[in-house]
Amino acid sequence: MQSGECQGNPSLRAIVAEASQALALLDTQRLEELALSCQALNRTLTAGDVDSGTRRDLARQASEASADMAVLGRVLDATRANVNVMKRLHEMHSEQLEYRVQAAASEWSGVGPAERYDGNH
């Protein structure tokens, strides 16, 4: 087994670095592929089909990739925050469009706001 590789798989550090790059580029297809690779690795580890040498190698890789994983975590947090901002901007824009449509409909109908309400509402 080559250093940095586990049974022909790329090193954990390489996976984390590639995930960070794919996230930065919003490469969803590659992110999904990487997620599937990680799921397969987790299944293999939990099934107990991994020898002690491989487990030691994976532990070493995890230790070496810890800083990269922390960076990926921060990128994920920033991306999540950006998505939340984009959703809120979209909601605000939709609300403004809805208000404009309602205002335009009132203008076209010739009924002003004072005429629409009887003062009891």
PDB file of N, CA and C in Angstrom:
ATOM      1  N   MET A   1       0.849  -1.182   0.000  1.00  0.00           N
ATOM      2  CA  MET A   1       0.000   0.000   0.000  1.00  0.00           C
ATOM      3  C   MET A   1       0.886   1.233   0.000  1.00  0.00           C
ATOM      4  N   GLN A   2       0.572   2.209  -0.883  1.00  0.00           N
ATOM      5  CA  GLN A   2       1.371   3.413  -0.967  1.00  0.00           C
ATOM      6  C   GLN A   2       0.997   4.357   0.156  1.00  0.00           C
ATOM      7  N   SER A   3       1.969   5.161   0.574  1.00  0.00           N
ATOM      8  CA  SER A   3       1.700   6.147   1.605  1.00  0.00           C
ATOM      9  C   SER A   3       0.671   7.144   1.107  1.00  0.00           C
ATOM     10  N   GLY A   4      -0.341   7.436   1.957  1.00  0.00           N
ATOM     11  CA  GLY A   4      -1.366   8.397   1.585  1.00  0.00           C
ATOM     12  C   GLY A   4      -2.532   7.781   0.846  1.00  0.00           C
ATOM     13  N   GLU A   5      -2.452   6.470   0.564  1.00  0.00           N
ATOM     14  CA  GLU A   5      -3.558   5.822  -0.112  1.00  0.00           C
ATOM     15  C   GLU A   5      -3.978   4.600   0.674  1.00  0.00           C
ATOM     16  N   CYS A   6      -5.258   4.316   0.615  1.00  0.00           N
ATOM     17  CA  CYS A   6      -5.828   3.189   1.336  1.00  0.00           C
ATOM     18  C   CYS A   6      -6.570   2.323   0.331  1.00  0.00           C
ATOM     19  N   GLN A   7      -6.030   1.169   0.007  1.00  0.00           N
ATOM     20  CA  GLN A   7      -6.640   0.220  -0.913  1.00  0.00           C
ATOM     21  C   GLN A   7      -7.026   0.887  -2.225  1.00  0.00           C
ATOM     22  N   GLY A   8      -6.122   1.683  -2.794  1.00  0.00           N
ATOM     23  CA  GLY A   8      -6.362   2.317  -4.078  1.00  0.00           C
ATOM     24  C   GLY A   8      -7.208   3.572  -4.020  1.00  0.00           C
ATOM     25  N   ASN A   9      -7.625   3.976  -2.836  1.00  0.00           N
ATOM     26  CA  ASN A   9      -8.430   5.186  -2.689  1.00  0.00           C
ATOM     27  C   ASN A   9      -7.524   6.376  -2.428  1.00  0.00           C
ATOM     28  N   PRO A  10      -7.943   7.567  -2.840  1.00  0.00           N
ATOM     29  CA  PRO A  10      -7.130   8.757  -2.558  1.00  0.00           C
ATOM     30  C   PRO A  10      -7.058   9.002  -1.052  1.00  0.00           C
ATOM     31  N   SER A  11      -6.046   9.725  -0.632  1.00  0.00           N
ATOM     32  CA  SER A  11      -5.890  10.005   0.792  1.00  0.00           C
ATOM     33  C   SER A  11      -7.037  10.887   1.278  1.00  0.00           C
ATOM     34  N   LEU A  12      -7.294  10.815   2.554  1.00  0.00           N
ATOM     35  CA  LEU A  12      -8.342  11.627   3.161  1.00  0.00           C
ATOM     36  C   LEU A  12      -8.048  13.106   2.950  1.00  0.00           C
ATOM     37  N   ARG A  13      -6.799  13.470   3.056  1.00  0.00           N
ATOM     38  CA  ARG A  13      -6.408  14.854   2.867  1.00  0.00           C
ATOM     39  C   ARG A  13      -6.727  15.327   1.441  1.00  0.00           C
ATOM     40  N   ALA A  14      -6.488  14.461   0.459  1.00  0.00           N
ATOM     41  CA  ALA A  14      -6.792  14.809  -0.938  1.00  0.00           C
ATOM     42  C   ALA A  14      -8.299  14.946  -1.133  1.00  0.00           C
ATOM     43  N   ILE A  15      -9.072  14.077  -0.495  1.00  0.00           N
ATOM     44  CA  ILE A  15     -10.532  14.159  -0.603  1.00  0.00           C
ATOM     45  C   ILE A  15     -11.034  15.468  -0.009  1.00  0.00           C
ATOM     46  N   VAL A  16     -10.520  15.824   1.170  1.00  0.00           N
ATOM     47  CA  VAL A  16     -10.950  17.058   1.835  1.00  0.00           C
ATOM     48  C   VAL A  16     -10.565  18.275   1.004  1.00  0.00           C
ATOM     49  N   ALA A  17      -9.357  18.279   0.462  1.00  0.00           N
ATOM     50  CA  ALA A  17      -8.908  19.403  -0.376  1.00  0.00           C
ATOM     51  C   ALA A  17      -9.772  19.516  -1.620  1.00  0.00           C
ATOM     52  N   GLU A  18     -10.085  18.388  -2.234  1.00  0.00           N
ATOM     53  CA  GLU A  18     -10.917  18.415  -3.433  1.00  0.00           C
ATOM     54  C   GLU A  18     -12.346  18.845  -3.096  1.00  0.00           C
ATOM     55  N   ALA A  19     -12.841  18.437  -1.948  1.00  0.00           N
ATOM     56  CA  ALA A  19     -14.182  18.851  -1.525  1.00  0.00           C
ATOM     57  C   ALA A  19     -14.233  20.365  -1.315  1.00  0.00           C
ATOM     58  N   SER A  20     -13.201  20.920  -0.699  1.00  0.00           N
ATOM     59  CA  SER A  20     -13.142  22.375  -0.504  1.00  0.00           C
ATOM     60  C   SER A  20     -13.144  23.098  -1.851  1.00  0.00           C
ATOM     61  N   GLN A  21     -12.359  22.586  -2.788  1.00  0.00           N
ATOM     62  CA  GLN A  21     -12.286  23.210  -4.111  1.00  0.00           C
ATOM     63  C   GLN A  21     -13.632  23.081  -4.830  1.00  0.00           C
ATOM     64  N   ALA A  22     -14.247  21.906  -4.775  1.00  0.00           N
ATOM     65  CA  ALA A  22     -15.539  21.700  -5.438  1.00  0.00           C
ATOM     66  C   ALA A  22     -16.607  22.597  -4.837  1.00  0.00           C
ATOM     67  N   LEU A  23     -16.552  22.767  -3.510  1.00  0.00           N
ATOM     68  CA  LEU A  23     -17.517  23.646  -2.849  1.00  0.00           C
ATOM     69  C   LEU A  23     -17.293  25.093  -3.269  1.00  0.00           C
ATOM     70  N   ALA A  24     -16.045  25.502  -3.322  1.00  0.00           N
ATOM     71  CA  ALA A  24     -15.736  26.870  -3.732  1.00  0.00           C
ATOM     72  C   ALA A  24     -16.195  27.137  -5.167  1.00  0.00           C
ATOM     73  N   LEU A  25     -16.121  26.116  -6.001  1.00  0.00           N
ATOM     74  CA  LEU A  25     -16.539  26.253  -7.399  1.00  0.00           C
ATOM     75  C   LEU A  25     -18.016  25.899  -7.593  1.00  0.00           C
ATOM     76  N   LEU A  26     -18.686  25.527  -6.494  1.00  0.00           N
ATOM     77  CA  LEU A  26     -20.073  25.087  -6.533  1.00  0.00           C
ATOM     78  C   LEU A  26     -20.262  23.930  -7.513  1.00  0.00           C
ATOM     79  N   ASP A  27     -19.302  22.999  -7.497  1.00  0.00           N
ATOM     80  CA  ASP A  27     -19.344  21.808  -8.346  1.00  0.00           C
ATOM     81  C   ASP A  27     -20.142  20.731  -7.627  1.00  0.00           C
ATOM     82  N   THR A  28     -21.451  20.811  -7.743  1.00  0.00           N
ATOM     83  CA  THR A  28     -22.326  19.911  -6.988  1.00  0.00           C
ATOM     84  C   THR A  28     -22.147  18.456  -7.389  1.00  0.00           C
ATOM     85  N   GLN A  29     -21.897  18.208  -8.661  1.00  0.00           N
ATOM     86  CA  GLN A  29     -21.721  16.830  -9.104  1.00  0.00           C
ATOM     87  C   GLN A  29     -20.515  16.192  -8.413  1.00  0.00           C
ATOM     88  N   ARG A  30     -19.400  16.915  -8.369  1.00  0.00           N
ATOM     89  CA  ARG A  30     -18.199  16.368  -7.725  1.00  0.00           C
ATOM     90  C   ARG A  30     -18.403  16.239  -6.219  1.00  0.00           C
ATOM     91  N   LEU A  31     -19.094  17.192  -5.598  1.00  0.00           N
ATOM     92  CA  LEU A  31     -19.378  17.094  -4.172  1.00  0.00           C
ATOM     93  C   LEU A  31     -20.203  15.852  -3.866  1.00  0.00           C
ATOM     94  N   GLU A  32     -21.178  15.554  -4.714  1.00  0.00           N
ATOM     95  CA  GLU A  32     -21.989  14.347  -4.512  1.00  0.00           C
ATOM     96  C   GLU A  32     -21.145  13.088  -4.657  1.00  0.00           C
ATOM     97  N   GLU A  33     -20.235  13.067  -5.637  1.00  0.00           N
ATOM     98  CA  GLU A  33     -19.340  11.921  -5.809  1.00  0.00           C
ATOM     99  C   GLU A  33     -18.459  11.729  -4.580  1.00  0.00           C
ATOM    100  N   LEU A  34     -17.920  12.824  -4.052  1.00  0.00           N
ATOM    101  CA  LEU A  34     -17.069  12.745  -2.868  1.00  0.00           C
ATOM    102  C   LEU A  34     -17.868  12.272  -1.653  1.00  0.00           C
ATOM    103  N   ALA A  35     -19.096  12.752  -1.521  1.00  0.00           N
ATOM    104  CA  ALA A  35     -19.944  12.318  -0.410  1.00  0.00           C
ATOM    105  C   ALA A  35     -20.201  10.814  -0.499  1.00  0.00           C
ATOM    106  N   LEU A  36     -20.441  10.305  -1.697  1.00  0.00           N
ATOM    107  CA  LEU A  36     -20.652   8.863  -1.880  1.00  0.00           C
ATOM    108  C   LEU A  36     -19.391   8.076  -1.525  1.00  0.00           C
ATOM    109  N   SER A  37     -18.228   8.608  -1.883  1.00  0.00           N
ATOM    110  CA  SER A  37     -16.961   7.952  -1.535  1.00  0.00           C
ATOM    111  C   SER A  37     -16.798   7.867  -0.019  1.00  0.00           C
ATOM    112  N   CYS A  38     -17.128   8.973   0.663  1.00  0.00           N
ATOM    113  CA  CYS A  38     -17.015   8.987   2.129  1.00  0.00           C
ATOM    114  C   CYS A  38     -18.013   8.018   2.763  1.00  0.00           C
ATOM    115  N   GLN A  39     -19.219   7.937   2.207  1.00  0.00           N
ATOM    116  CA  GLN A  39     -20.212   6.995   2.724  1.00  0.00           C
ATOM    117  C   GLN A  39     -19.725   5.559   2.560  1.00  0.00           C
ATOM    118  N   ALA A  40     -19.130   5.252   1.404  1.00  0.00           N
ATOM    119  CA  ALA A  40     -18.600   3.905   1.168  1.00  0.00           C
ATOM    120  C   ALA A  40     -17.485   3.593   2.156  1.00  0.00           C
ATOM    121  N   LEU A  41     -16.613   4.559   2.400  1.00  0.00           N
ATOM    122  CA  LEU A  41     -15.531   4.358   3.366  1.00  0.00           C
ATOM    123  C   LEU A  41     -16.097   4.107   4.761  1.00  0.00           C
ATOM    124  N   ASN A  42     -17.092   4.881   5.156  1.00  0.00           N
ATOM    125  CA  ASN A  42     -17.706   4.686   6.471  1.00  0.00           C
ATOM    126  C   ASN A  42     -18.363   3.321   6.588  1.00  0.00           C
ATOM    127  N   ARG A  43     -19.031   2.873   5.509  1.00  0.00           N
ATOM    128  CA  ARG A  43     -19.649   1.537   5.535  1.00  0.00           C
ATOM    129  C   ARG A  43     -18.592   0.462   5.721  1.00  0.00           C
ATOM    130  N   THR A  44     -17.476   0.602   5.010  1.00  0.00           N
ATOM    131  CA  THR A  44     -16.381  -0.364   5.116  1.00  0.00           C
ATOM    132  C   THR A  44     -15.833  -0.392   6.536  1.00  0.00           C
ATOM    133  N   LEU A  45     -15.656   0.784   7.125  1.00  0.00           N
ATOM    134  CA  LEU A  45     -15.105   0.858   8.477  1.00  0.00           C
ATOM    135  C   LEU A  45     -16.058   0.271   9.513  1.00  0.00           C
ATOM    136  N   THR A  46     -17.345   0.541   9.376  1.00  0.00           N
ATOM    137  CA  THR A  46     -18.302   0.036  10.362  1.00  0.00           C
ATOM    138  C   THR A  46     -18.576  -1.443  10.179  1.00  0.00           C
ATOM    139  N   ALA A  47     -18.346  -1.979   8.969  1.00  0.00           N
ATOM    140  CA  ALA A  47     -18.554  -3.406   8.729  1.00  0.00           C
ATOM    141  C   ALA A  47     -17.436  -4.234   9.352  1.00  0.00           C
ATOM    142  N   GLY A  48     -16.340  -3.584   9.696  1.00  0.00           N
ATOM    143  CA  GLY A  48     -15.231  -4.289  10.340  1.00  0.00           C
ATOM    144  C   GLY A  48     -14.360  -5.065   9.370  1.00  0.00           C
ATOM    145  N   ASP A  49     -14.448  -4.767   8.084  1.00  0.00           N
ATOM    146  CA  ASP A  49     -13.667  -5.474   7.072  1.00  0.00           C
ATOM    147  C   ASP A  49     -12.293  -4.842   6.842  1.00  0.00           C
ATOM    148  N   VAL A  50     -11.817  -4.045   7.788  1.00  0.00           N
ATOM    149  CA  VAL A  50     -10.564  -3.327   7.606  1.00  0.00           C
ATOM    150  C   VAL A  50      -9.545  -3.861   8.606  1.00  0.00           C
ATOM    151  N   ASP A  51      -8.347  -4.186   8.093  1.00  0.00           N
ATOM    152  CA  ASP A  51      -7.311  -4.707   8.990  1.00  0.00           C
ATOM    153  C   ASP A  51      -6.704  -3.582   9.828  1.00  0.00           C
ATOM    154  N   SER A  52      -5.970  -3.962  10.848  1.00  0.00           N
ATOM    155  CA  SER A  52      -5.436  -2.985  11.793  1.00  0.00           C
ATOM    156  C   SER A  52      -4.446  -2.028  11.131  1.00  0.00           C
ATOM    157  N   GLY A  53      -3.674  -2.498  10.150  1.00  0.00           N
ATOM    158  CA  GLY A  53      -2.734  -1.620   9.441  1.00  0.00           C
ATOM    159  C   GLY A  53      -3.466  -0.536   8.673  1.00  0.00           C
ATOM    160  N   THR A  54      -4.561  -0.905   8.049  1.00  0.00           N
ATOM    161  CA  THR A  54      -5.357   0.072   7.304  1.00  0.00           C
ATOM    162  C   THR A  54      -5.991   1.071   8.266  1.00  0.00           C
ATOM    163  N   ARG A  55      -6.466   0.571   9.402  1.00  0.00           N
ATOM    164  CA  ARG A  55      -7.057   1.469  10.408  1.00  0.00           C
ATOM    165  C   ARG A  55      -6.017   2.477  10.907  1.00  0.00           C
ATOM    166  N   ARG A  56      -4.799   2.011  11.150  1.00  0.00           N
ATOM    167  CA  ARG A  56      -3.732   2.921  11.579  1.00  0.00           C
ATOM    168  C   ARG A  56      -3.441   3.961  10.498  1.00  0.00           C
ATOM    169  N   ASP A  57      -3.421   3.516   9.242  1.00  0.00           N
ATOM    170  CA  ASP A  57      -3.168   4.443   8.138  1.00  0.00           C
ATOM    171  C   ASP A  57      -4.277   5.487   8.045  1.00  0.00           C
ATOM    172  N   LEU A  58      -5.517   5.057   8.202  1.00  0.00           N
ATOM    173  CA  LEU A  58      -6.637   5.997   8.160  1.00  0.00           C
ATOM    174  C   LEU A  58      -6.588   6.971   9.341  1.00  0.00           C
ATOM    175  N   ALA A  59      -6.189   6.481  10.513  1.00  0.00           N
ATOM    176  CA  ALA A  59      -6.057   7.360  11.675  1.00  0.00           C
ATOM    177  C   ALA A  59      -4.973   8.404  11.430  1.00  0.00           C
ATOM    178  N   ARG A  60      -3.863   7.985  10.812  1.00  0.00           N
ATOM    179  CA  ARG A  60      -2.786   8.920  10.471  1.00  0.00           C
ATOM    180  C   ARG A  60      -3.278   9.954   9.470  1.00  0.00           C
ATOM    181  N   GLN A  61      -4.026   9.485   8.446  1.00  0.00           N
ATOM    182  CA  GLN A  61      -4.559  10.407   7.443  1.00  0.00           C
ATOM    183  C   GLN A  61      -5.518  11.411   8.081  1.00  0.00           C
ATOM    184  N   ALA A  62      -6.347  10.936   8.985  1.00  0.00           N
ATOM    185  CA  ALA A  62      -7.298  11.837   9.648  1.00  0.00           C
ATOM    186  C   ALA A  62      -6.557  12.892  10.450  1.00  0.00           C
ATOM    187  N   SER A  63      -5.499  12.477  11.109  1.00  0.00           N
ATOM    188  CA  SER A  63      -4.696  13.429  11.875  1.00  0.00           C
ATOM    189  C   SER A  63      -4.048  14.458  10.959  1.00  0.00           C
ATOM    190  N   GLU A  64      -3.478  13.989   9.837  1.00  0.00           N
ATOM    191  CA  GLU A  64      -2.827  14.892   8.890  1.00  0.00           C
ATOM    192  C   GLU A  64      -3.827  15.837   8.223  1.00  0.00           C
ATOM    193  N   ALA A  65      -5.068  15.380   8.053  1.00  0.00           N
ATOM    194  CA  ALA A  65      -6.077  16.179   7.343  1.00  0.00           C
ATOM    195  C   ALA A  65      -6.916  17.038   8.284  1.00  0.00           C
ATOM    196  N   SER A  66      -6.613  17.018   9.580  1.00  0.00           N
ATOM    197  CA  SER A  66      -7.471  17.734  10.528  1.00  0.00           C
ATOM    198  C   SER A  66      -7.539  19.233  10.236  1.00  0.00           C
ATOM    199  N   ALA A  67      -6.428  19.849   9.878  1.00  0.00           N
ATOM    200  CA  ALA A  67      -6.446  21.281   9.562  1.00  0.00           C
ATOM    201  C   ALA A  67      -7.263  21.541   8.303  1.00  0.00           C
ATOM    202  N   ASP A  68      -7.101  20.670   7.298  1.00  0.00           N
ATOM    203  CA  ASP A  68      -7.867  20.813   6.058  1.00  0.00           C
ATOM    204  C   ASP A  68      -9.361  20.608   6.324  1.00  0.00           C
ATOM    205  N   MET A  69      -9.689  19.672   7.205  1.00  0.00           N
ATOM    206  CA  MET A  69     -11.095  19.441   7.538  1.00  0.00           C
ATOM    207  C   MET A  69     -11.685  20.637   8.281  1.00  0.00           C
ATOM    208  N   ALA A  70     -10.878  21.289   9.104  1.00  0.00           N
ATOM    209  CA  ALA A  70     -11.351  22.493   9.796  1.00  0.00           C
ATOM    210  C   ALA A  70     -11.642  23.602   8.785  1.00  0.00           C
ATOM    211  N   VAL A  71     -10.769  23.734   7.787  1.00  0.00           N
ATOM    212  CA  VAL A  71     -10.997  24.731   6.736  1.00  0.00           C
ATOM    213  C   VAL A  71     -12.270  24.396   5.978  1.00  0.00           C
ATOM    214  N   LEU A  72     -12.445  23.118   5.627  1.00  0.00           N
ATOM    215  CA  LEU A  72     -13.663  22.703   4.924  1.00  0.00           C
ATOM    216  C   LEU A  72     -14.894  23.009   5.764  1.00  0.00           C
ATOM    217  N   GLY A  73     -14.802  22.779   7.058  1.00  0.00           N
ATOM    218  CA  GLY A  73     -15.926  23.093   7.948  1.00  0.00           C
ATOM    219  C   GLY A  73     -16.269  24.573   7.922  1.00  0.00           C
ATOM    220  N   ARG A  74     -15.245  25.423   7.937  1.00  0.00           N
ATOM    221  CA  ARG A  74     -15.493  26.873   7.871  1.00  0.00           C
ATOM    222  C   ARG A  74     -16.081  27.270   6.516  1.00  0.00           C
ATOM    223  N   VAL A  75     -15.601  26.642   5.447  1.00  0.00           N
ATOM    224  CA  VAL A  75     -16.163  26.921   4.117  1.00  0.00           C
ATOM    225  C   VAL A  75     -17.628  26.495   4.067  1.00  0.00           C
ATOM    226  N   LEU A  76     -17.932  25.340   4.648  1.00  0.00           N
ATOM    227  CA  LEU A  76     -19.323  24.881   4.694  1.00  0.00           C
ATOM    228  C   LEU A  76     -20.195  25.850   5.489  1.00  0.00           C
ATOM    229  N   ASP A  77     -19.683  26.322   6.619  1.00  0.00           N
ATOM    230  CA  ASP A  77     -20.439  27.292   7.422  1.00  0.00           C
ATOM    231  C   ASP A  77     -20.684  28.582   6.642  1.00  0.00           C
ATOM    232  N   ALA A  78     -19.653  29.078   5.966  1.00  0.00           N
ATOM    233  CA  ALA A  78     -19.798  30.302   5.179  1.00  0.00           C
ATOM    234  C   ALA A  78     -20.772  30.093   4.026  1.00  0.00           C
ATOM    235  N   THR A  79     -20.697  28.930   3.405  1.00  0.00           N
ATOM    236  CA  THR A  79     -21.608  28.621   2.299  1.00  0.00           C
ATOM    237  C   THR A  79     -23.043  28.561   2.805  1.00  0.00           C
ATOM    238  N   ARG A  80     -23.237  27.924   3.944  1.00  0.00           N
ATOM    239  CA  ARG A  80     -24.574  27.833   4.551  1.00  0.00           C
ATOM    240  C   ARG A  80     -25.104  29.233   4.860  1.00  0.00           C
ATOM    241  N   ALA A  81     -24.248  30.095   5.401  1.00  0.00           N
ATOM    242  CA  ALA A  81     -24.663  31.469   5.702  1.00  0.00           C
ATOM    243  C   ALA A  81     -25.003  32.216   4.421  1.00  0.00           C
ATOM    244  N   ASN A  82     -24.213  32.020   3.369  1.00  0.00           N
ATOM    245  CA  ASN A  82     -24.499  32.668   2.093  1.00  0.00           C
ATOM    246  C   ASN A  82     -25.822  32.183   1.507  1.00  0.00           C
ATOM    247  N   VAL A  83     -26.095  30.910   1.638  1.00  0.00           N
ATOM    248  CA  VAL A  83     -27.364  30.363   1.146  1.00  0.00           C
ATOM    249  C   VAL A  83     -28.520  30.998   1.907  1.00  0.00           C
ATOM    250  N   ASN A  84     -28.375  31.139   3.212  1.00  0.00           N
ATOM    251  CA  ASN A  84     -29.433  31.764   4.017  1.00  0.00           C
ATOM    252  C   ASN A  84     -29.668  33.213   3.596  1.00  0.00           C
ATOM    253  N   VAL A  85     -28.587  33.941   3.326  1.00  0.00           N
ATOM    254  CA  VAL A  85     -28.722  35.325   2.866  1.00  0.00           C
ATOM    255  C   VAL A  85     -29.419  35.353   1.512  1.00  0.00           C
ATOM    256  N   MET A  86     -29.023  34.470   0.612  1.00  0.00           N
ATOM    257  CA  MET A  86     -29.639  34.433  -0.717  1.00  0.00           C
ATOM    258  C   MET A  86     -31.130  34.088  -0.623  1.00  0.00           C
ATOM    259  N   LYS A  87     -31.489  33.161   0.260  1.00  0.00           N
ATOM    260  CA  LYS A  87     -32.904  32.822   0.442  1.00  0.00           C
ATOM    261  C   LYS A  87     -33.685  34.026   0.952  1.00  0.00           C
ATOM    262  N   ARG A  88     -33.110  34.724   1.918  1.00  0.00           N
ATOM    263  CA  ARG A  88     -33.791  35.894   2.479  1.00  0.00           C
ATOM    264  C   ARG A  88     -33.942  36.992   1.424  1.00  0.00           C
ATOM    265  N   LEU A  89     -32.900  37.232   0.632  1.00  0.00           N
ATOM    266  CA  LEU A  89     -32.997  38.217  -0.446  1.00  0.00           C
ATOM    267  C   LEU A  89     -34.068  37.815  -1.455  1.00  0.00           C
ATOM    268  N   HIS A  90     -34.134  36.538  -1.752  1.00  0.00           N
ATOM    269  CA  HIS A  90     -35.156  36.047  -2.684  1.00  0.00           C
ATOM    270  C   HIS A  90     -36.556  36.269  -2.105  1.00  0.00           C
ATOM    271  N   GLU A  91     -36.721  35.976  -0.808  1.00  0.00           N
ATOM    272  CA  GLU A  91     -38.016  36.201  -0.158  1.00  0.00           C
ATOM    273  C   GLU A  91     -38.392  37.686  -0.197  1.00  0.00           C
ATOM    274  N   MET A  92     -37.424  38.547   0.105  1.00  0.00           N
ATOM    275  CA  MET A  92     -37.693  39.984   0.096  1.00  0.00           C
ATOM    276  C   MET A  92     -38.064  40.447  -1.312  1.00  0.00           C
ATOM    277  N   HIS A  93     -37.354  39.945  -2.297  1.00  0.00           N
ATOM    278  CA  HIS A  93     -37.640  40.313  -3.680  1.00  0.00           C
ATOM    279  C   HIS A  93     -39.038  39.823  -4.069  1.00  0.00           C
ATOM    280  N   SER A  94     -39.393  38.607  -3.671  1.00  0.00           N
ATOM    281  CA  SER A  94     -40.721  38.064  -3.975  1.00  0.00           C
ATOM    282  C   SER A  94     -41.813  38.891  -3.312  1.00  0.00           C
ATOM    283  N   GLU A  95     -41.564  39.306  -2.066  1.00  0.00           N
ATOM    284  CA  GLU A  95     -42.544  40.140  -1.358  1.00  0.00           C
ATOM    285  C   GLU A  95     -42.721  41.478  -2.069  1.00  0.00           C
ATOM    286  N   GLN A  96     -41.633  42.059  -2.547  1.00  0.00           N
ATOM    287  CA  GLN A  96     -41.718  43.335  -3.261  1.00  0.00           C
ATOM    288  C   GLN A  96     -42.486  43.167  -4.568  1.00  0.00           C
ATOM    289  N   LEU A  97     -42.223  42.061  -5.268  1.00  0.00           N
ATOM    290  CA  LEU A  97     -42.950  41.816  -6.512  1.00  0.00           C
ATOM    291  C   LEU A  97     -44.443  41.627  -6.241  1.00  0.00           C
ATOM    292  N   GLU A  98     -44.754  40.899  -5.173  1.00  0.00           N
ATOM    293  CA  GLU A  98     -46.150  40.678  -4.822  1.00  0.00           C
ATOM    294  C   GLU A  98     -46.836  42.001  -4.499  1.00  0.00           C
ATOM    295  N   TYR A  99     -46.152  42.861  -3.761  1.00  0.00           N
ATOM    296  CA  TYR A  99     -46.705  44.175  -3.420  1.00  0.00           C
ATOM    297  C   TYR A  99     -46.936  44.991  -4.688  1.00  0.00           C
ATOM    298  N   ARG A 100     -45.954  44.950  -5.610  1.00  0.00           N
ATOM    299  CA  ARG A 100     -46.084  45.707  -6.857  1.00  0.00           C
ATOM    300  C   ARG A 100     -47.256  45.194  -7.691  1.00  0.00           C
ATOM    301  N   VAL A 101     -47.427  43.872  -7.733  1.00  0.00           N
ATOM    302  CA  VAL A 101     -48.528  43.294  -8.503  1.00  0.00           C
ATOM    303  C   VAL A 101     -49.859  43.717  -7.899  1.00  0.00           C
ATOM    304  N   GLN A 102     -49.958  43.691  -6.575  1.00  0.00           N
ATOM    305  CA  GLN A 102     -51.199  44.109  -5.919  1.00  0.00           C
ATOM    306  C   GLN A 102     -51.474  45.588  -6.170  1.00  0.00           C
ATOM    307  N   ALA A 103     -50.443  46.412  -6.104  1.00  0.00           N
ATOM    308  CA  ALA A 103     -50.612  47.844  -6.337  1.00  0.00           C
ATOM    309  C   ALA A 103     -51.033  48.096  -7.781  1.00  0.00           C
ATOM    310  N   ALA A 104     -50.422  47.385  -8.711  1.00  0.00           N
ATOM    311  CA  ALA A 104     -50.769  47.551 -10.119  1.00  0.00           C
ATOM    312  C   ALA A 104     -52.203  47.095 -10.373  1.00  0.00           C
ATOM    313  N   ALA A 105     -52.620  46.015  -9.737  1.00  0.00           N
ATOM    314  CA  ALA A 105     -53.988  45.526  -9.908  1.00  0.00           C
ATOM    315  C   ALA A 105     -54.985  46.549  -9.390  1.00  0.00           C
ATOM    316  N   SER A 106     -54.659  47.213  -8.294  1.00  0.00           N
ATOM    317  CA  SER A 106     -55.533  48.251  -7.747  1.00  0.00           C
ATOM    318  C   SER A 106     -55.646  49.423  -8.706  1.00  0.00           C
ATOM    319  N   GLU A 107     -54.508  49.805  -9.296  1.00  0.00           N
ATOM    320  CA  GLU A 107     -54.515  50.916 -10.243  1.00  0.00           C
ATOM    321  C   GLU A 107     -55.355  50.581 -11.473  1.00  0.00           C
ATOM    322  N   TRP A 108     -55.214  49.349 -11.955  1.00  0.00           N
ATOM    323  CA  TRP A 108     -55.926  48.944 -13.159  1.00  0.00           C
ATOM    324  C   TRP A 108     -57.431  48.829 -12.912  1.00  0.00           C
ATOM    325  N   SER A 109     -57.804  48.466 -11.696  1.00  0.00           N
ATOM    326  CA  SER A 109     -59.230  48.292 -11.400  1.00  0.00           C
ATOM    327  C   SER A 109     -59.915  49.627 -11.142  1.00  0.00           C
ATOM    328  N   GLY A 110     -59.108  50.669 -10.912  1.00  0.00           N
ATOM    329  CA  GLY A 110     -59.679  51.978 -10.642  1.00  0.00           C
ATOM    330  C   GLY A 110     -60.180  52.114  -9.221  1.00  0.00           C
ATOM    331  N   VAL A 111     -59.895  51.134  -8.387  1.00  0.00           N
ATOM    332  CA  VAL A 111     -60.333  51.170  -6.993  1.00  0.00           C
ATOM    333  C   VAL A 111     -59.130  51.500  -6.143  1.00  0.00           C
ATOM    334  N   GLY A 112     -59.183  52.592  -5.465  1.00  0.00           N
ATOM    335  CA  GLY A 112     -58.082  53.004  -4.602  1.00  0.00           C
ATOM    336  C   GLY A 112     -58.152  52.320  -3.253  1.00  0.00           C
ATOM    337  N   PRO A 113     -57.118  52.422  -2.443  1.00  0.00           N
ATOM    338  CA  PRO A 113     -57.096  51.771  -1.129  1.00  0.00           C
ATOM    339  C   PRO A 113     -58.237  52.227  -0.235  1.00  0.00           C
ATOM    340  N   ALA A 114     -58.587  53.506  -0.283  1.00  0.00           N
ATOM    341  CA  ALA A 114     -59.650  54.013   0.581  1.00  0.00           C
ATOM    342  C   ALA A 114     -60.998  53.416   0.182  1.00  0.00           C
ATOM    343  N   GLU A 115     -61.191  53.136  -1.091  1.00  0.00           N
ATOM    344  CA  GLU A 115     -62.460  52.599  -1.555  1.00  0.00           C
ATOM    345  C   GLU A 115     -62.571  51.094  -1.321  1.00  0.00           C
ATOM    346  N   ARG A 116     -61.413  50.401  -1.160  1.00  0.00           N
ATOM    347  CA  ARG A 116     -61.430  48.960  -0.953  1.00  0.00           C
ATOM    348  C   ARG A 116     -61.837  48.582   0.457  1.00  0.00           C
ATOM    349  N   TYR A 117     -61.597  49.430   1.405  1.00  0.00           N
ATOM    350  CA  TYR A 117     -61.850  49.100   2.806  1.00  0.00           C
ATOM    351  C   TYR A 117     -62.975  49.960   3.337  1.00  0.00           C
ATOM    352  N   ASP A 118     -63.809  49.377   4.171  1.00  0.00           N
ATOM    353  CA  ASP A 118     -64.954  50.135   4.716  1.00  0.00           C
ATOM    354  C   ASP A 118     -64.633  50.781   6.062  1.00  0.00           C
ATOM    355  N   GLY A 119     -63.358  50.650   6.523  1.00  0.00           N
ATOM    356  CA  GLY A 119     -62.951  51.259   7.784  1.00  0.00           C
ATOM    357  C   GLY A 119     -63.114  50.333   8.966  1.00  0.00           C
ATOM    358  N   ASN A 120     -63.734  49.186   8.784  1.00  0.00           N
ATOM    359  CA  ASN A 120     -63.922  48.234   9.878  1.00  0.00           C
ATOM    360  C   ASN A 120     -62.810  47.190   9.918  1.00  0.00           C
ATOM    361  N   HIS A 121     -61.919  47.202   8.984  1.00  0.00           N
ATOM    362  CA  HIS A 121     -60.869  46.192   8.926  1.00  0.00           C
ATOM    363  C   HIS A 121     -59.522  46.824   8.982  1.00  0.00           C
TER     364      HIS A 121
END
